PDB file of N, CA and C in Angstrom:
ATOM      1  N   MET A   1      98.867  61.489 134.035  1.00  0.00           N
ATOM      2  CA  MET A   1      98.638  62.312 132.851  1.00  0.00           C
ATOM      3  C   MET A   1      97.570  63.369 133.123  1.00  0.00           C
ATOM      4  N   ARG A   2      96.535  62.978 133.834  1.00  0.00           N
ATOM      5  CA  ARG A   2      95.453  63.907 134.086  1.00  0.00           C
ATOM      6  C   ARG A   2      95.914  65.052 134.998  1.00  0.00           C
ATOM      7  N   GLU A   3      96.707  64.763 135.977  1.00  0.00           N
ATOM      8  CA  GLU A   3      97.215  65.811 136.853  1.00  0.00           C
ATOM      9  C   GLU A   3      98.082  66.794 136.074  1.00  0.00           C
ATOM     10  N   TRP A   4      98.921  66.269 135.219  1.00  0.00           N
ATOM     11  CA  TRP A   4      99.767  67.127 134.396  1.00  0.00           C
ATOM     12  C   TRP A   4      98.918  68.048 133.534  1.00  0.00           C
ATOM     13  N   TRP A   5      97.874  67.491 132.941  1.00  0.00           N
ATOM     14  CA  TRP A   5      96.996  68.272 132.069  1.00  0.00           C
ATOM     15  C   TRP A   5      96.289  69.374 132.866  1.00  0.00           C
ATOM     16  N   ASN A   6      95.832  69.052 134.039  1.00  0.00           N
ATOM     17  CA  ASN A   6      95.151  70.053 134.869  1.00  0.00           C
ATOM     18  C   ASN A   6      96.111  71.160 135.295  1.00  0.00           C
ATOM     19  N   ARG A   7      97.339  70.814 135.639  1.00  0.00           N
ATOM     20  CA  ARG A   7      98.326  71.844 135.994  1.00  0.00           C
ATOM     21  C   ARG A   7      98.612  72.744 134.794  1.00  0.00           C
ATOM     22  N   LYS A   8      98.731  72.132 133.633  1.00  0.00           N
ATOM     23  CA  LYS A   8      99.004  72.911 132.423  1.00  0.00           C
ATOM     24  C   LYS A   8      97.845  73.870 132.126  1.00  0.00           C
ATOM     25  N   LYS A   9      96.626  73.377 132.230  1.00  0.00           N
ATOM     26  CA  LYS A   9      95.466  74.242 131.984  1.00  0.00           C
ATOM     27  C   LYS A   9      95.427  75.386 132.992  1.00  0.00           C
ATOM     28  N   GLU A  10      95.738  75.084 134.248  1.00  0.00           N
ATOM     29  CA  GLU A  10      95.736  76.123 135.276  1.00  0.00           C
ATOM     30  C   GLU A  10      96.788  77.189 134.983  1.00  0.00           C
ATOM     31  N   LYS A  11      97.964  76.779 134.549  1.00  0.00           N
ATOM     32  CA  LYS A  11      99.014  77.746 134.205  1.00  0.00           C
ATOM     33  C   LYS A  11      98.588  78.622 133.032  1.00  0.00           C
ATOM     34  N   MET A  12      97.989  77.999 132.022  1.00  0.00           N
ATOM     35  CA  MET A  12      97.552  78.773 130.856  1.00  0.00           C
ATOM     36  C   MET A  12      96.447  79.751 131.239  1.00  0.00           C
ATOM     37  N   ARG A  13      95.559  79.325 132.098  1.00  0.00           N
ATOM     38  CA  ARG A  13      94.480  80.191 132.551  1.00  0.00           C
ATOM     39  C   ARG A  13      95.035  81.405 133.289  1.00  0.00           C
ATOM     40  N   LYS A  14      95.996  81.176 134.165  1.00  0.00           N
ATOM     41  CA  LYS A  14      96.611  82.282 134.892  1.00  0.00           C
ATOM     42  C   LYS A  14      97.365  83.207 133.954  1.00  0.00           C
ATOM     43  N   ARG A  15      98.040  82.632 132.986  1.00  0.00           N
ATOM     44  CA  ARG A  15      98.798  83.450 132.038  1.00  0.00           C
ATOM     45  C   ARG A  15      97.868  84.342 131.226  1.00  0.00           C
ATOM     46  N   LYS A  16      96.725  83.804 130.813  1.00  0.00           N
ATOM     47  CA  LYS A  16      95.778  84.611 130.037  1.00  0.00           C
ATOM     48  C   LYS A  16      95.135  85.698 130.886  1.00  0.00           C
ATOM     49  N   GLU A  17      94.867  85.407 132.151  1.00  0.00           N
ATOM     50  CA  GLU A  17      94.256  86.410 133.026  1.00  0.00           C
ATOM     51  C   GLU A  17      95.217  87.547 133.325  1.00  0.00           C
ATOM     52  N   ASN A  18      96.496  87.253 133.445  1.00  0.00           N
ATOM     53  CA  ASN A  18      97.481  88.266 133.815  1.00  0.00           C
ATOM     54  C   ASN A  18      98.166  88.891 132.616  1.00  0.00           C
ATOM     55  N   ASN A  19      97.696  88.631 131.439  1.00  0.00           N
ATOM     56  CA  ASN A  19      98.334  89.149 130.241  1.00  0.00           C
ATOM     57  C   ASN A  19      97.847  90.564 129.971  1.00  0.00           C
ATOM     58  N   ASP A  20      98.703  91.554 130.263  1.00  0.00           N
ATOM     59  CA  ASP A  20      98.346  92.961 130.059  1.00  0.00           C
ATOM     60  C   ASP A  20      99.152  93.576 128.917  1.00  0.00           C
ATOM     61  N   ASN A  21      99.550  92.773 127.976  1.00  0.00           N
ATOM     62  CA  ASN A  21     100.347  93.284 126.854  1.00  0.00           C
ATOM     63  C   ASN A  21      99.475  94.133 125.936  1.00  0.00           C
ATOM     64  N   TYR A  22     100.081  95.155 125.385  1.00  0.00           N
ATOM     65  CA  TYR A  22      99.408  96.034 124.438  1.00  0.00           C
ATOM     66  C   TYR A  22      99.575  95.418 123.055  1.00  0.00           C
ATOM     67  N   ARG A  23      98.513  94.903 122.519  1.00  0.00           N
ATOM     68  CA  ARG A  23      98.577  94.178 121.256  1.00  0.00           C
ATOM     69  C   ARG A  23      98.304  95.109 120.076  1.00  0.00           C
ATOM     70  N   PHE A  24      98.560  94.598 118.890  1.00  0.00           N
ATOM     71  CA  PHE A  24      98.339  95.370 117.673  1.00  0.00           C
ATOM     72  C   PHE A  24      96.862  95.724 117.517  1.00  0.00           C
ATOM     73  N   LEU A  25      95.983  94.807 117.881  1.00  0.00           N
ATOM     74  CA  LEU A  25      94.547  95.068 117.791  1.00  0.00           C
ATOM     75  C   LEU A  25      94.159  96.223 118.713  1.00  0.00           C
ATOM     76  N   ASP A  26      94.735  96.278 119.900  1.00  0.00           N
ATOM     77  CA  ASP A  26      94.473  97.391 120.817  1.00  0.00           C
ATOM     78  C   ASP A  26      94.923  98.706 120.204  1.00  0.00           C
ATOM     79  N   PHE A  27      96.085  98.684 119.569  1.00  0.00           N
ATOM     80  CA  PHE A  27      96.593  99.886 118.914  1.00  0.00           C
ATOM     81  C   PHE A  27      95.656 100.347 117.802  1.00  0.00           C
ATOM     82  N   MET A  28      95.193  99.409 116.978  1.00  0.00           N
ATOM     83  CA  MET A  28      94.303  99.773 115.875  1.00  0.00           C
ATOM     84  C   MET A  28      92.985 100.344 116.398  1.00  0.00           C
ATOM     85  N   LEU A  29      92.451  99.783 117.458  1.00  0.00           N
ATOM     86  CA  LEU A  29      91.215 100.322 118.023  1.00  0.00           C
ATOM     87  C   LEU A  29      91.430 101.726 118.581  1.00  0.00           C
ATOM     88  N   ASP A  30      92.564 101.947 119.225  1.00  0.00           N
ATOM     89  CA  ASP A  30      92.870 103.293 119.720  1.00  0.00           C
ATOM     90  C   ASP A  30      92.966 104.292 118.574  1.00  0.00           C
ATOM     91  N   VAL A  31      93.607 103.895 117.499  1.00  0.00           N
ATOM     92  CA  VAL A  31      93.737 104.781 116.339  1.00  0.00           C
ATOM     93  C   VAL A  31      92.367 105.077 115.748  1.00  0.00           C
ATOM     94  N   LEU A  32      91.520 104.069 115.629  1.00  0.00           N
ATOM     95  CA  LEU A  32      90.187 104.286 115.064  1.00  0.00           C
ATOM     96  C   LEU A  32      89.342 105.207 115.938  1.00  0.00           C
ATOM     97  N   PHE A  33      89.550 105.185 117.243  1.00  0.00           N
ATOM     98  CA  PHE A  33      88.806 106.089 118.113  1.00  0.00           C
ATOM     99  C   PHE A  33      89.369 107.504 118.088  1.00  0.00           C
ATOM    100  N   TRP A  34      90.671 107.657 117.878  1.00  0.00           N
ATOM    101  CA  TRP A  34      91.288 108.980 117.945  1.00  0.00           C
ATOM    102  C   TRP A  34      91.252 109.742 116.629  1.00  0.00           C
ATOM    103  N   ILE A  35      91.113 109.074 115.504  1.00  0.00           N
ATOM    104  CA  ILE A  35      91.092 109.774 114.207  1.00  0.00           C
ATOM    105  C   ILE A  35      89.962 110.804 114.141  1.00  0.00           C
ATOM    106  N   PRO A  36      88.726 110.446 114.486  1.00  0.00           N
ATOM    107  CA  PRO A  36      87.670 111.480 114.434  1.00  0.00           C
ATOM    108  C   PRO A  36      87.949 112.647 115.373  1.00  0.00           C
ATOM    109  N   GLU A  37      88.512 112.363 116.537  1.00  0.00           N
ATOM    110  CA  GLU A  37      88.824 113.442 117.467  1.00  0.00           C
ATOM    111  C   GLU A  37      89.865 114.383 116.882  1.00  0.00           C
ATOM    112  N   LEU A  38      90.886 113.839 116.273  1.00  0.00           N
ATOM    113  CA  LEU A  38      91.944 114.678 115.709  1.00  0.00           C
ATOM    114  C   LEU A  38      91.467 115.469 114.503  1.00  0.00           C
ATOM    115  N   VAL A  39      90.528 114.908 113.756  1.00  0.00           N
ATOM    116  CA  VAL A  39      90.008 115.616 112.584  1.00  0.00           C
ATOM    117  C   VAL A  39      89.064 116.742 113.011  1.00  0.00           C
ATOM    118  N   LEU A  40      88.246 116.496 114.020  1.00  0.00           N
ATOM    119  CA  LEU A  40      87.245 117.488 114.422  1.00  0.00           C
ATOM    120  C   LEU A  40      87.784 118.557 115.368  1.00  0.00           C
ATOM    121  N   LEU A  41      88.903 118.314 116.020  1.00  0.00           N
ATOM    122  CA  LEU A  41      89.430 119.270 116.992  1.00  0.00           C
ATOM    123  C   LEU A  41      89.693 120.659 116.406  1.00  0.00           C
ATOM    124  N   PRO A  42      90.314 120.800 115.229  1.00  0.00           N
ATOM    125  CA  PRO A  42      90.518 122.168 114.696  1.00  0.00           C
ATOM    126  C   PRO A  42      89.213 122.924 114.456  1.00  0.00           C
ATOM    127  N   PHE A  43      88.189 122.222 113.988  1.00  0.00           N
ATOM    128  CA  PHE A  43      86.903 122.884 113.765  1.00  0.00           C
ATOM    129  C   PHE A  43      86.277 123.316 115.082  1.00  0.00           C
ATOM    130  N   ARG A  44      86.398 122.474 116.099  1.00  0.00           N
ATOM    131  CA  ARG A  44      85.879 122.852 117.409  1.00  0.00           C
ATOM    132  C   ARG A  44      86.604 124.074 117.949  1.00  0.00           C
ATOM    133  N   MET A  45      87.908 124.124 117.774  1.00  0.00           N
ATOM    134  CA  MET A  45      88.669 125.266 118.275  1.00  0.00           C
ATOM    135  C   MET A  45      88.269 126.547 117.569  1.00  0.00           C
ATOM    136  N   ILE A  46      88.011 126.483 116.270  1.00  0.00           N
ATOM    137  CA  ILE A  46      87.566 127.664 115.526  1.00  0.00           C
ATOM    138  C   ILE A  46      86.206 128.125 116.038  1.00  0.00           C
ATOM    139  N   ILE A  47      85.307 127.175 116.278  1.00  0.00           N
ATOM    140  CA  ILE A  47      83.981 127.527 116.797  1.00  0.00           C
ATOM    141  C   ILE A  47      84.106 128.161 118.178  1.00  0.00           C
ATOM    142  N   TRP A  48      84.957 127.580 119.047  1.00  0.00           N
ATOM    143  CA  TRP A  48      85.162 128.152 120.382  1.00  0.00           C
ATOM    144  C   TRP A  48      85.747 129.560 120.294  1.00  0.00           C
ATOM    145  N   LEU A  49      86.671 129.767 119.357  1.00  0.00           N
ATOM    146  CA  LEU A  49      87.282 131.084 119.199  1.00  0.00           C
ATOM    147  C   LEU A  49      86.238 132.112 118.780  1.00  0.00           C
ATOM    148  N   PHE A  50      85.424 131.794 117.772  1.00  0.00           N
ATOM    149  CA  PHE A  50      84.406 132.732 117.310  1.00  0.00           C
ATOM    150  C   PHE A  50      83.335 132.979 118.365  1.00  0.00           C
ATOM    151  N   SER A  51      82.962 131.936 119.097  1.00  0.00           N
ATOM    152  CA  SER A  51      81.946 132.160 120.135  1.00  0.00           C
ATOM    153  C   SER A  51      82.523 133.010 121.263  1.00  0.00           C
ATOM    154  N   GLY A  52      83.786 132.837 121.586  1.00  0.00           N
ATOM    155  CA  GLY A  52      84.413 133.675 122.610  1.00  0.00           C
ATOM    156  C   GLY A  52      84.502 135.119 122.178  1.00  0.00           C
ATOM    157  N   ILE A  53      84.883 135.350 120.924  1.00  0.00           N
ATOM    158  CA  ILE A  53      84.942 136.722 120.402  1.00  0.00           C
ATOM    159  C   ILE A  53      83.546 137.328 120.364  1.00  0.00           C
ATOM    160  N   GLY A  54      82.553 136.535 119.985  1.00  0.00           N
ATOM    161  CA  GLY A  54      81.166 137.025 119.967  1.00  0.00           C
ATOM    162  C   GLY A  54      80.677 137.408 121.351  1.00  0.00           C
ATOM    163  N   ARG A  55      80.987 136.598 122.348  1.00  0.00           N
ATOM    164  CA  ARG A  55      80.580 136.943 123.716  1.00  0.00           C
ATOM    165  C   ARG A  55      81.293 138.200 124.203  1.00  0.00           C
ATOM    166  N   LEU A  56      82.568 138.323 123.835  1.00  0.00           N
ATOM    167  CA  LEU A  56      83.322 139.519 124.232  1.00  0.00           C
ATOM    168  C   LEU A  56      82.703 140.766 123.608  1.00  0.00           C
ATOM    169  N   LEU A  57      82.392 140.726 122.309  1.00  0.00           N
ATOM    170  CA  LEU A  57      81.783 141.885 121.645  1.00  0.00           C
ATOM    171  C   LEU A  57      80.395 142.177 122.191  1.00  0.00           C
ATOM    172  N   ARG A  58      79.630 141.126 122.448  1.00  0.00           N
ATOM    173  CA  ARG A  58      78.294 141.331 123.013  1.00  0.00           C
ATOM    174  C   ARG A  58      78.387 141.972 124.404  1.00  0.00           C
ATOM    175  N   GLY A  59      79.370 141.547 125.180  1.00  0.00           N
ATOM    176  CA  GLY A  59      79.579 142.144 126.505  1.00  0.00           C
ATOM    177  C   GLY A  59      79.992 143.602 126.406  1.00  0.00           C
ATOM    178  N   LEU A  60      80.836 143.923 125.435  1.00  0.00           N
ATOM    179  CA  LEU A  60      81.268 145.303 125.258  1.00  0.00           C
ATOM    180  C   LEU A  60      80.116 146.208 124.839  1.00  0.00           C
ATOM    181  N   PHE A  61      79.267 145.754 123.945  1.00  0.00           N
ATOM    182  CA  PHE A  61      78.159 146.568 123.467  1.00  0.00           C
ATOM    183  C   PHE A  61      77.028 146.668 124.490  1.00  0.00           C
ATOM    184  N   ASP A  62      76.930 145.688 125.394  1.00  0.00           N
ATOM    185  CA  ASP A  62      75.913 145.780 126.438  1.00  0.00           C
ATOM    186  C   ASP A  62      76.288 146.827 127.471  1.00  0.00           C
ATOM    187  N   ILE A  63      77.590 147.020 127.669  1.00  0.00           N
ATOM    188  CA  ILE A  63      78.056 148.001 128.648  1.00  0.00           C
ATOM    189  C   ILE A  63      77.783 149.417 128.143  1.00  0.00           C
ATOM    190  N   VAL A  64      77.969 149.657 126.840  1.00  0.00           N
ATOM    191  CA  VAL A  64      77.839 151.003 126.262  1.00  0.00           C
ATOM    192  C   VAL A  64      76.440 151.360 126.123  1.00  0.00           C
TER     193      VAL A  64
END
């Protein structure tokens, strides 16, 4: 009985170590990390656009 139990525990241990399934909890954590990024990305792009236009205008006026 003891040998059987030890073999069973060893199999379960190996199964848990090699389990690379994508679980629902993993999905929820990914969503929670990506929501702020998706919400803030449009604002960042607007800021990058205005700063790029500002640098372009500043470069043009420095030349003249």
